[in-house]
Protein backbone atom coordinates (compact mmCIF):
# COMPACT_ATOMS: atom_id res chain seq x y z
CA MET A 1 -20.54 -0.36 60.75
CA GLY A 2 -23.80 0.66 62.39
CA ASN A 3 -25.21 2.28 59.26
CA PRO A 4 -27.21 -0.36 57.31
CA ILE A 5 -26.61 1.38 53.96
CA LYS A 6 -22.85 1.32 54.47
CA LYS A 7 -23.05 -2.26 55.72
CA ALA A 8 -24.98 -3.40 52.64
CA PHE A 9 -22.53 -1.55 50.39
CA LEU A 10 -19.51 -3.24 51.98
CA GLU A 11 -21.16 -6.65 51.67
CA GLU A 12 -21.74 -6.07 47.95
CA LEU A 13 -18.19 -4.75 47.56
CA ALA A 14 -16.84 -7.96 49.12
CA ARG A 15 -19.13 -10.14 46.99
CA ARG A 16 -17.84 -8.53 43.80
CA TYR A 17 -14.15 -8.15 44.61
CA GLY A 18 -13.39 -10.70 47.32
CA ILE A 19 -11.71 -9.82 50.58
CA ILE A 20 -11.62 -6.11 51.37
CA ARG A 21 -9.29 -4.58 53.92
CA LYS A 22 -9.99 -1.58 56.15
CA LEU A 23 -7.05 0.80 56.27
CA GLU A 24 -5.56 1.83 59.60
CA ASN A 25 -6.75 4.91 61.48
CA SER A 26 -9.91 5.29 59.43
CA LEU A 27 -13.45 3.94 59.67
CA SER A 28 -14.23 4.70 56.04
CA LEU A 29 -11.19 3.74 53.94
CA PHE A 30 -11.03 0.30 52.35
CA GLU A 31 -8.76 -1.47 49.90
CA ILE A 32 -9.99 -3.90 47.26
CA GLY A 33 -7.94 -7.04 46.65
CA ASN A 34 -4.19 -6.70 46.52
CA GLY A 35 -4.11 -2.95 46.04
CA ALA A 36 -6.46 -2.93 43.01
CA ALA A 37 -8.25 0.17 44.33
CA ARG A 38 -8.94 2.20 47.43
CA ILE A 39 -12.49 3.25 48.29
CA TYR A 40 -13.34 6.14 50.61
CA ILE A 41 -16.97 5.73 51.73
CA ARG A 42 -19.00 8.78 52.68
CA TYR A 43 -22.67 8.72 53.67
CA SER A 44 -25.34 11.40 54.14
CA LYS A 45 -29.03 11.39 54.77
CA ILE A 46 -31.15 13.35 52.33
CA HIS A 47 -32.29 16.36 54.34
CA PRO A 48 -35.28 18.62 53.62
CA GLY A 49 -34.87 20.34 50.27
CA LYS A 50 -33.04 17.25 48.87
CA GLU A 51 -29.80 18.37 50.50
CA THR A 52 -26.88 16.13 51.41
CA PHE A 53 -23.82 17.00 53.48
CA TYR A 54 -20.46 15.21 53.44
CA GLY A 55 -17.23 15.77 55.30
CA LEU A 56 -14.01 14.56 53.66
CA ARG A 57 -11.15 14.25 56.14
CA GLY A 58 -7.91 15.67 54.85
CA ALA A 59 -6.00 12.79 56.48
CA ASP A 60 -8.14 10.24 54.63
CA LEU A 61 -7.75 11.98 51.27
CA GLN A 62 -3.96 11.85 51.67
CA LYS A 63 -4.20 8.05 51.77
CA LEU A 64 -5.87 8.03 48.37
CA GLU A 65 -2.97 9.78 46.67
CA GLY A 66 -0.84 7.63 44.40
CA PHE A 67 -3.40 4.81 44.20
CA SER A 68 -6.31 3.94 41.96
CA SER A 69 -8.80 5.55 44.36
CA PHE A 70 -12.46 6.51 44.49
CA ILE A 71 -14.71 8.47 46.79
CA CYS A 72 -18.02 6.62 47.06
CA TYR A 73 -20.94 8.89 47.98
CA LEU A 74 -23.90 7.10 49.55
CA TRP A 75 -27.30 8.36 50.68
CA ASN A 76 -30.63 6.90 51.75
CA GLU A 77 -32.97 5.60 49.03
CA GLN A 78 -30.05 5.42 46.60
CA THR A 79 -30.45 2.97 43.71
CA GLU A 80 -26.83 2.95 42.49
CA PRO A 81 -23.59 3.87 44.29
CA LEU A 82 -21.73 6.93 43.03
CA PHE A 83 -17.99 6.34 42.54
CA VAL A 84 -16.00 9.53 41.89
CA PRO A 85 -12.36 8.96 40.81
CA PHE A 86 -10.12 10.77 43.26
CA ASN A 87 -7.44 11.58 40.69
CA GLU A 88 -9.91 13.86 38.88
CA TYR A 89 -10.21 16.06 41.98
CA GLU A 90 -6.81 15.70 43.68
CA ASP A 91 -5.50 19.02 42.32
CA ILE A 92 -8.69 20.74 43.41
CA PHE A 93 -8.34 19.60 47.01
CA HIS A 94 -4.72 20.76 46.95
CA SER A 95 -5.83 24.20 45.77
CA ILE A 96 -8.31 24.85 48.59
CA SER A 97 -8.14 24.66 52.38
CA PRO A 98 -10.24 22.43 54.63
CA ALA A 99 -12.61 23.82 57.24
CA SER A 100 -11.46 24.37 60.82
CA ASP A 101 -12.31 20.74 61.67
CA GLY A 102 -9.86 19.45 59.04
CA GLN A 103 -12.58 18.37 56.63
CA TYR A 104 -13.45 19.44 53.10
CA LYS A 105 -17.18 20.02 52.81
CA ALA A 106 -19.11 18.53 49.91
CA GLN A 107 -22.69 18.08 48.77
CA ILE A 108 -24.51 16.09 46.12
CA PHE A 109 -27.20 18.01 44.22
CA PHE A 110 -29.92 16.10 42.40
CA GLN A 111 -30.95 18.01 39.27
CA ASP A 112 -33.77 16.95 36.94
CA GLU A 113 -31.28 16.10 34.23
CA TYR A 114 -28.14 15.02 36.09
CA THR A 115 -26.28 14.83 39.39
CA GLU A 116 -23.71 17.38 40.54
CA LEU A 117 -20.97 17.25 43.16
CA TYR A 118 -20.35 20.52 44.98
CA VAL A 119 -17.04 21.04 46.80
CA ALA A 120 -17.03 24.11 49.04
CA ASN A 121 -14.76 26.90 47.73
CA ALA A 122 -14.19 24.98 44.50
CA GLY A 123 -17.46 24.70 42.60
CA ARG A 124 -19.88 22.23 41.03
CA PHE A 125 -19.02 19.24 38.86
CA ASN A 126 -21.24 16.97 36.79
CA VAL A 127 -20.78 13.39 38.07
CA GLU A 128 -23.59 11.66 36.18
CA ALA A 129 -21.16 9.31 34.43
CA HIS A 130 -19.87 7.85 37.72
CA TYR A 131 -22.98 5.97 38.82
CA GLY A 132 -23.02 2.20 39.13
CA TRP A 133 -20.70 -0.76 39.62
CA ASP A 134 -19.87 -0.98 35.92
CA GLY A 135 -18.28 2.45 36.18
CA LEU A 136 -16.04 1.27 39.01
CA ASP A 137 -15.05 -1.85 37.06
CA SER A 138 -14.04 0.11 33.98
CA ALA A 139 -12.35 2.88 35.96
CA ILE A 140 -10.17 0.45 37.89
CA ASN A 141 -8.80 -0.93 34.63
CA ARG A 142 -9.08 2.25 32.56
CA GLU A 143 -5.37 2.86 32.06
CA LYS A 144 -4.68 -0.76 31.08
CA ILE A 145 -7.56 -1.85 28.89
CA ARG A 146 -9.67 1.15 27.97
CA HIS A 147 -9.40 2.68 24.50
CA LEU A 148 -10.99 6.10 24.33
CA PRO A 149 -11.79 7.92 21.07
CA HIS A 150 -10.06 11.11 20.02
CA PHE A 151 -12.31 13.85 21.38
CA THR A 152 -13.10 16.82 19.16
CA HIS A 153 -15.33 19.87 19.61
CA SER A 154 -17.88 18.59 17.10
CA GLY A 155 -17.77 15.07 18.54
CA ILE A 156 -18.54 16.26 22.06
CA GLN A 157 -21.20 18.61 20.67
CA THR A 158 -22.81 15.61 18.96
CA LEU A 159 -22.78 13.50 22.13
CA LEU A 160 -24.27 16.29 24.26
CA GLY A 161 -27.00 16.86 21.70
CA ALA A 162 -27.73 13.13 21.58
CA ILE A 163 -27.90 12.90 25.38
CA GLY A 164 -30.39 15.78 25.48
CA ALA A 165 -32.52 14.25 22.74
CA GLU A 166 -32.44 10.87 24.49
CA LYS A 167 -33.65 12.51 27.69
CA GLY A 168 -36.59 14.08 25.87
CA PHE A 169 -35.37 17.66 25.51
CA GLU A 170 -35.48 19.91 22.48
CA VAL A 171 -31.90 20.58 21.39
CA TRP A 172 -30.36 23.78 20.05
CA ILE A 173 -27.01 23.71 18.26
CA PRO A 174 -25.83 26.79 16.29
CA PRO A 175 -26.77 26.35 12.60
CA ASP A 176 -23.18 26.86 11.46
CA ASP A 177 -22.11 23.87 13.58
CA ARG A 178 -24.75 21.41 12.46
CA GLY A 179 -22.94 20.43 9.29
CA THR A 180 -19.92 19.21 11.29
CA LEU A 181 -21.80 17.02 13.79
CA ASP A 182 -20.35 13.50 13.90
CA TRP A 183 -23.14 11.03 13.13
CA ASN A 184 -20.67 8.14 13.40
CA GLN A 185 -20.86 8.62 17.17
CA ALA A 186 -24.62 8.95 17.64
CA LYS A 187 -27.85 8.50 15.72
CA LYS A 188 -29.23 11.68 14.19
CA PHE A 189 -31.42 13.94 16.30
CA LYS A 190 -33.45 16.97 15.28
CA CYS A 191 -32.19 20.45 16.16
CA CYS A 192 -34.52 23.37 16.89
CA GLU A 193 -34.66 25.83 14.03
CA THR A 194 -35.31 28.88 16.23
CA LEU A 195 -34.96 29.88 19.86
CA PRO A 196 -38.12 30.69 21.87
CA TYR A 197 -39.33 34.28 21.53
CA ALA A 198 -39.40 34.58 25.33
CA TYR A 199 -35.60 34.86 25.25
CA SER A 200 -35.41 37.58 22.60
CA THR A 201 -33.43 39.89 24.91
CA ILE A 202 -30.58 37.39 25.03
CA LYS A 203 -31.10 35.75 21.64
CA GLU A 204 -27.82 36.98 20.15
CA ILE A 205 -25.89 35.45 23.04
CA LEU A 206 -27.92 32.23 23.27
CA GLN A 207 -27.61 31.39 19.61
CA GLU A 208 -23.82 31.13 20.02
CA VAL A 209 -23.99 28.63 22.91
CA ASP A 210 -22.66 25.25 21.75
CA VAL A 211 -25.52 23.10 23.07
CA ILE A 212 -28.80 24.04 24.75
CA TRP A 213 -31.42 21.69 26.18
CA MET A 214 -34.98 23.04 26.41
CA ARG A 215 -38.05 21.47 27.97
CA ARG A 216 -40.18 20.06 25.17
CA GLY A 217 -43.38 21.98 24.59
CA SER A 218 -42.56 24.96 26.80
CA GLY A 219 -39.18 26.03 25.42
CA GLU A 220 -37.89 26.53 28.98
CA LEU A 221 -34.09 26.61 29.11
CA ARG A 222 -32.84 23.70 31.20
CA SER A 223 -29.12 23.26 30.46
CA LEU A 224 -26.49 25.24 28.56
CA PHE A 225 -23.13 23.76 27.54
CA GLU A 226 -20.06 25.62 26.33
CA ILE A 227 -17.36 23.34 24.89
CA GLU A 228 -13.96 24.92 25.41
CA HIS A 229 -11.74 22.76 23.22
CA THR A 230 -9.15 25.31 22.09
CA THR A 231 -10.85 28.51 23.26
CA THR A 232 -10.36 29.90 26.76
CA ILE A 233 -12.42 28.79 29.74
CA TYR A 234 -12.92 32.45 30.56
CA SER A 235 -14.76 33.16 27.30
CA GLY A 236 -17.42 30.57 28.07
CA LEU A 237 -17.85 31.84 31.60
CA LEU A 238 -18.30 35.40 30.33
CA ARG A 239 -21.04 34.28 27.93
CA PHE A 240 -22.83 32.47 30.73
CA ASN A 241 -22.40 35.45 33.02
CA ASP A 242 -23.96 37.79 30.46
CA ILE A 243 -26.97 35.51 30.11
CA HIS A 244 -27.32 35.25 33.88
CA LEU A 245 -27.06 39.02 34.43
CA ILE A 246 -29.40 40.02 31.62
CA SER A 247 -32.06 37.42 32.48
CA PRO A 248 -31.67 36.54 36.18
CA SER A 249 -35.22 35.16 36.29
CA ILE A 250 -34.30 32.11 34.20
CA HIS A 251 -32.61 29.26 36.03
CA PRO A 252 -30.84 26.86 33.66
CA ARG A 253 -27.78 24.86 34.61
CA PHE A 254 -24.57 26.17 33.04
CA SER A 255 -21.76 23.72 32.22
CA ILE A 256 -18.26 24.32 30.90
CA VAL A 257 -17.15 21.23 28.97
CA SER A 258 -13.48 20.54 28.36
CA ASN A 259 -10.72 18.00 28.85
CA GLU A 260 -9.75 16.87 32.33
CA GLU A 261 -6.48 18.83 32.27
CA ARG A 262 -8.43 22.13 32.28
CA ARG A 263 -10.52 21.37 35.38
CA SER A 264 -8.14 23.27 37.69
CA LEU A 265 -8.18 26.24 35.28
CA PHE A 266 -12.00 26.22 35.43
CA ILE A 267 -11.81 26.42 39.24
CA LYS A 268 -9.35 29.30 39.10
CA GLN A 269 -11.43 31.30 36.62
CA LEU A 270 -14.80 30.61 38.27
CA ASN A 271 -13.41 31.83 41.59
CA ARG A 272 -12.87 35.32 40.19
CA PRO A 273 -14.72 37.93 42.32
CA THR A 274 -16.91 38.95 39.38
CA PHE A 275 -18.42 35.46 39.04
CA LYS A 276 -18.92 35.12 42.78
CA ALA A 277 -20.62 38.51 42.93
CA SER A 278 -22.94 37.69 40.02
CA GLY A 279 -23.87 34.31 41.47
CA LEU A 280 -22.57 32.32 38.48
CA PHE A 281 -20.21 30.52 40.85
CA GLU A 282 -23.18 28.73 42.40
CA ILE A 283 -24.86 27.57 39.17
CA CYS A 284 -22.00 26.68 36.83
CA SER A 285 -20.38 23.24 36.78
CA PHE A 286 -17.53 21.51 34.98
CA LEU A 287 -18.01 18.44 32.76
CA ASP A 288 -15.02 16.69 31.24
CA TYR A 289 -14.97 14.86 27.91
CA ILE A 290 -14.66 11.37 29.38
CA ASN A 291 -17.72 11.98 31.54
CA VAL A 292 -19.70 13.06 28.46
CA TYR A 293 -18.59 9.89 26.66
CA ASP A 294 -19.47 7.67 29.64
CA TRP A 295 -22.80 9.44 30.17
CA PHE A 296 -23.77 8.84 26.54
CA ASN A 297 -22.76 5.17 26.68
CA ARG A 298 -24.60 4.69 29.96
CA LEU A 299 -27.81 5.93 28.36
CA GLN A 300 -27.30 3.64 25.36
CA SER A 301 -26.82 0.61 27.59
CA THR A 302 -30.14 1.20 29.35
CA GLU A 303 -32.19 1.32 26.14
């Protein structure tokens, strides 16, 4: 391994998990212990404009199927490795075709509030919850020892509001929903009573969005979240699309939040020609419930 970042990562991997084995016919696939997990290591420099570029070989991805497997994205000046569980994206890779060189193209985007994975011809996905070695430890044993809460619309709404408040944003939650927020999951945070006047042209649409983060002091929209628990993915995308078309000068991040089983449906709906033509395809990501839960807990552990 000529790359010093990859070399240092593999040394730390071996220190934590013992002997690691490189799989045949690949320079980037490794197995931890006696089949405990498979790690596919990808590295990119950070190019001008904070851009990264990754190629995922179709042949390598096939070797992750059926195992507890993770794609580890590395880049220069990285403080924590990013481990993305392959099983969360396996159906997505099956639904799209690789480029002419046999690779699926991916990028990591560094937003002010969180990190997103972009897979060409599929879309953007919030991967903030997958940073760090602790995430890998828990994910390896998730099915055996992890006990997750029962996720509800109001519970996820509470966690997203708490994350925004913890990160220093002003938080909007529709007034009718505030009485059902679950304060057993997070400490109380203050909700904005009104939306900024600057967004009066889209006020009626904005006030129905499940969670909005705004920059404190300026009221600038930073992130909008639509939780699709029992409602259709398409309804949330339409609301986002209306906001984007009416006020194209604002540039928040749009996120559809739902359970993992609806990720492939999100991809199918977002790939409709209308959302590609409007540009929503490029600025809307998917965030699943477990990632919200992990993101919240990660912030609590760093306090």
